[in-house]
Amino acid sequence: MLDKTVYKLHAEVCKALAHPLRIEVIDLLQTGELCFSDILETTGGLKSNLSQHLSVMVDSGILKVRKDSRCNYYSLSSSKVAKACSLMREVLIENLKKQQKLHKSILK
């Protein structure tokens, strides 16, 4: 049997993705790194709240942070993070279409 550690680590990364703001940040960072203030301006909300979410994502290895004297710059640790989110969105859309089709067939 496989060592179950990989499943635990996988679940931890999935937990780190399990918030709408975090997924929005991943979408924003697909095109490259952004300064904290730019992410805050785009997403809205509170500075402290965004800071906590970014910390979770950095700690889980989803994001990288580069600090300079003016700003903390965030970027995806791998383009595969964005690809994984995109695939999950495709699954979501497929499921919604199936539900919509089923709903329509029931109402006929």
C-alpha atoms as a PDB file:
ATOM      1  CA  MET A   1       0.000   0.000   0.000  1.00  0.00           C
ATOM      2  CA  LEU A   2       1.158   3.555  -0.732  1.00  0.00           C
ATOM      3  CA  ASP A   3       2.417   5.844   1.972  1.00  0.00           C
ATOM      4  CA  LYS A   4      -0.590   7.995   2.904  1.00  0.00           C
ATOM      5  CA  THR A   5       1.558  11.084   3.542  1.00  0.00           C
ATOM      6  CA  VAL A   6       1.076  12.256  -0.032  1.00  0.00           C
ATOM      7  CA  TYR A   7      -2.713  12.213   0.470  1.00  0.00           C
ATOM      8  CA  LYS A   8      -2.409  14.288   3.615  1.00  0.00           C
ATOM      9  CA  LEU A   9      -0.189  16.838   1.865  1.00  0.00           C
ATOM     10  CA  HIS A  10      -2.564  16.941  -1.107  1.00  0.00           C
ATOM     11  CA  ALA A  11      -5.485  17.615   1.237  1.00  0.00           C
ATOM     12  CA  GLU A  12      -3.559  20.458   2.887  1.00  0.00           C
ATOM     13  CA  VAL A  13      -3.016  22.166  -0.473  1.00  0.00           C
ATOM     14  CA  CYS A  14      -6.704  21.699  -1.320  1.00  0.00           C
ATOM     15  CA  LYS A  15      -7.677  23.256   2.027  1.00  0.00           C
ATOM     16  CA  ALA A  16      -5.465  26.235   1.215  1.00  0.00           C
ATOM     17  CA  LEU A  17      -7.426  26.711  -2.011  1.00  0.00           C
ATOM     18  CA  ALA A  18     -10.830  26.404  -0.342  1.00  0.00           C
ATOM     19  CA  HIS A  19     -11.860  30.053  -0.256  1.00  0.00           C
ATOM     20  CA  PRO A  20     -13.284  32.264  -3.020  1.00  0.00           C
ATOM     21  CA  LEU A  21     -10.806  35.082  -2.356  1.00  0.00           C
ATOM     22  CA  ARG A  22      -7.853  32.707  -2.660  1.00  0.00           C
ATOM     23  CA  ILE A  23      -9.125  31.409  -5.986  1.00  0.00           C
ATOM     24  CA  GLU A  24      -9.605  35.002  -7.157  1.00  0.00           C
ATOM     25  CA  VAL A  25      -5.999  35.773  -6.194  1.00  0.00           C
ATOM     26  CA  ILE A  26      -4.802  32.779  -8.216  1.00  0.00           C
ATOM     27  CA  ASP A  27      -6.731  34.110 -11.221  1.00  0.00           C
ATOM     28  CA  LEU A  28      -5.135  37.530 -10.774  1.00  0.00           C
ATOM     29  CA  LEU A  29      -1.631  36.113 -10.527  1.00  0.00           C
ATOM     30  CA  GLN A  30      -1.869  33.997 -13.694  1.00  0.00           C
ATOM     31  CA  THR A  31      -0.338  36.826 -15.694  1.00  0.00           C
ATOM     32  CA  GLY A  32       2.528  37.504 -13.296  1.00  0.00           C
ATOM     33  CA  GLU A  33       3.441  38.850  -9.908  1.00  0.00           C
ATOM     34  CA  LEU A  34       1.517  41.658  -8.271  1.00  0.00           C
ATOM     35  CA  CYS A  35       2.179  43.973  -5.379  1.00  0.00           C
ATOM     36  CA  PHE A  36       0.055  43.463  -2.260  1.00  0.00           C
ATOM     37  CA  SER A  37      -1.608  46.852  -2.722  1.00  0.00           C
ATOM     38  CA  ASP A  38      -2.589  45.985  -6.302  1.00  0.00           C
ATOM     39  CA  ILE A  39      -4.153  42.703  -5.168  1.00  0.00           C
ATOM     40  CA  LEU A  40      -5.977  44.532  -2.381  1.00  0.00           C
ATOM     41  CA  GLU A  41      -7.304  47.193  -4.748  1.00  0.00           C
ATOM     42  CA  THR A  42      -8.548  44.608  -7.251  1.00  0.00           C
ATOM     43  CA  THR A  43     -10.144  42.245  -4.752  1.00  0.00           C
ATOM     44  CA  GLY A  44     -11.429  44.845  -2.295  1.00  0.00           C
ATOM     45  CA  GLY A  45     -11.946  43.953   1.324  1.00  0.00           C
ATOM     46  CA  LEU A  46      -9.769  44.456   4.339  1.00  0.00           C
ATOM     47  CA  LYS A  47      -5.995  44.622   4.342  1.00  0.00           C
ATOM     48  CA  SER A  48      -5.701  42.268   7.329  1.00  0.00           C
ATOM     49  CA  ASN A  49      -8.058  39.722   5.758  1.00  0.00           C
ATOM     50  CA  LEU A  50      -6.120  39.623   2.477  1.00  0.00           C
ATOM     51  CA  SER A  51      -2.853  39.396   4.376  1.00  0.00           C
ATOM     52  CA  GLN A  52      -4.071  36.307   6.249  1.00  0.00           C
ATOM     53  CA  HIS A  53      -5.237  34.609   3.044  1.00  0.00           C
ATOM     54  CA  LEU A  54      -1.951  35.322   1.276  1.00  0.00           C
ATOM     55  CA  SER A  55      -0.018  33.950   4.256  1.00  0.00           C
ATOM     56  CA  VAL A  56      -1.980  30.686   4.131  1.00  0.00           C
ATOM     57  CA  MET A  57      -1.224  30.374   0.423  1.00  0.00           C
ATOM     58  CA  VAL A  58       2.479  31.126   0.876  1.00  0.00           C
ATOM     59  CA  ASP A  59       2.751  28.694   3.800  1.00  0.00           C
ATOM     60  CA  SER A  60       1.131  25.937   1.737  1.00  0.00           C
ATOM     61  CA  GLY A  61       3.482  26.531  -1.203  1.00  0.00           C
ATOM     62  CA  ILE A  62       0.830  27.849  -3.585  1.00  0.00           C
ATOM     63  CA  LEU A  63       2.333  31.337  -3.740  1.00  0.00           C
ATOM     64  CA  LYS A  64       5.809  32.838  -3.528  1.00  0.00           C
ATOM     65  CA  VAL A  65       6.498  36.231  -2.028  1.00  0.00           C
ATOM     66  CA  ARG A  66       9.300  38.598  -3.010  1.00  0.00           C
ATOM     67  CA  LYS A  67       9.888  41.498  -0.677  1.00  0.00           C
ATOM     68  CA  ASP A  68      11.426  44.771  -1.664  1.00  0.00           C
ATOM     69  CA  SER A  69      11.583  48.087   0.145  1.00  0.00           C
ATOM     70  CA  ARG A  70       8.341  49.306  -1.402  1.00  0.00           C
ATOM     71  CA  CYS A  71       6.060  46.276  -1.503  1.00  0.00           C
ATOM     72  CA  ASN A  72       5.612  42.551  -1.098  1.00  0.00           C
ATOM     73  CA  TYR A  73       5.172  40.981  -4.521  1.00  0.00           C
ATOM     74  CA  TYR A  74       3.192  37.745  -4.824  1.00  0.00           C
ATOM     75  CA  SER A  75       3.330  35.203  -7.623  1.00  0.00           C
ATOM     76  CA  LEU A  76       2.230  31.631  -8.251  1.00  0.00           C
ATOM     77  CA  SER A  77       4.763  29.029  -7.191  1.00  0.00           C
ATOM     78  CA  SER A  78       3.953  27.142 -10.412  1.00  0.00           C
ATOM     79  CA  SER A  79       1.757  27.720 -13.443  1.00  0.00           C
ATOM     80  CA  LYS A  80       0.278  24.312 -12.629  1.00  0.00           C
ATOM     81  CA  VAL A  81      -1.607  25.931  -9.732  1.00  0.00           C
ATOM     82  CA  ALA A  82      -3.602  28.036 -12.198  1.00  0.00           C
ATOM     83  CA  LYS A  83      -4.084  25.018 -14.475  1.00  0.00           C
ATOM     84  CA  ALA A  84      -5.448  22.964 -11.566  1.00  0.00           C
ATOM     85  CA  CYS A  85      -7.946  25.714 -10.701  1.00  0.00           C
ATOM     86  CA  SER A  86      -8.947  26.004 -14.335  1.00  0.00           C
ATOM     87  CA  LEU A  87      -9.593  22.258 -14.544  1.00  0.00           C
ATOM     88  CA  MET A  88     -11.717  22.384 -11.404  1.00  0.00           C
ATOM     89  CA  ARG A  89     -13.710  25.259 -12.896  1.00  0.00           C
ATOM     90  CA  GLU A  90     -14.301  23.173 -16.039  1.00  0.00           C
ATOM     91  CA  VAL A  91     -15.643  20.336 -13.875  1.00  0.00           C
ATOM     92  CA  LEU A  92     -17.903  22.812 -12.086  1.00  0.00           C
ATOM     93  CA  ILE A  93     -19.259  24.189 -15.370  1.00  0.00           C
ATOM     94  CA  GLU A  94     -19.873  20.677 -16.725  1.00  0.00           C
ATOM     95  CA  ASN A  95     -21.780  19.752 -13.573  1.00  0.00           C
ATOM     96  CA  LEU A  96     -23.854  22.927 -13.743  1.00  0.00           C
ATOM     97  CA  LYS A  97     -24.756  22.182 -17.358  1.00  0.00           C
ATOM     98  CA  LYS A  98     -25.810  18.639 -16.425  1.00  0.00           C
ATOM     99  CA  GLN A  99     -27.950  19.974 -13.584  1.00  0.00           C
ATOM    100  CA  GLN A 100     -29.517  22.559 -15.865  1.00  0.00           C
ATOM    101  CA  LYS A 101     -30.299  19.872 -18.451  1.00  0.00           C
ATOM    102  CA  LEU A 102     -31.849  17.653 -15.781  1.00  0.00           C
ATOM    103  CA  HIS A 103     -33.862  20.555 -14.425  1.00  0.00           C
ATOM    104  CA  LYS A 104     -35.219  21.348 -17.882  1.00  0.00           C
ATOM    105  CA  SER A 105     -36.164  17.721 -18.504  1.00  0.00           C
ATOM    106  CA  ILE A 106     -38.045  17.580 -15.209  1.00  0.00           C
ATOM    107  CA  LEU A 107     -40.025  20.741 -15.994  1.00  0.00           C
ATOM    108  CA  LYS A 108     -41.203  19.461 -19.401  1.00  0.00           C
END
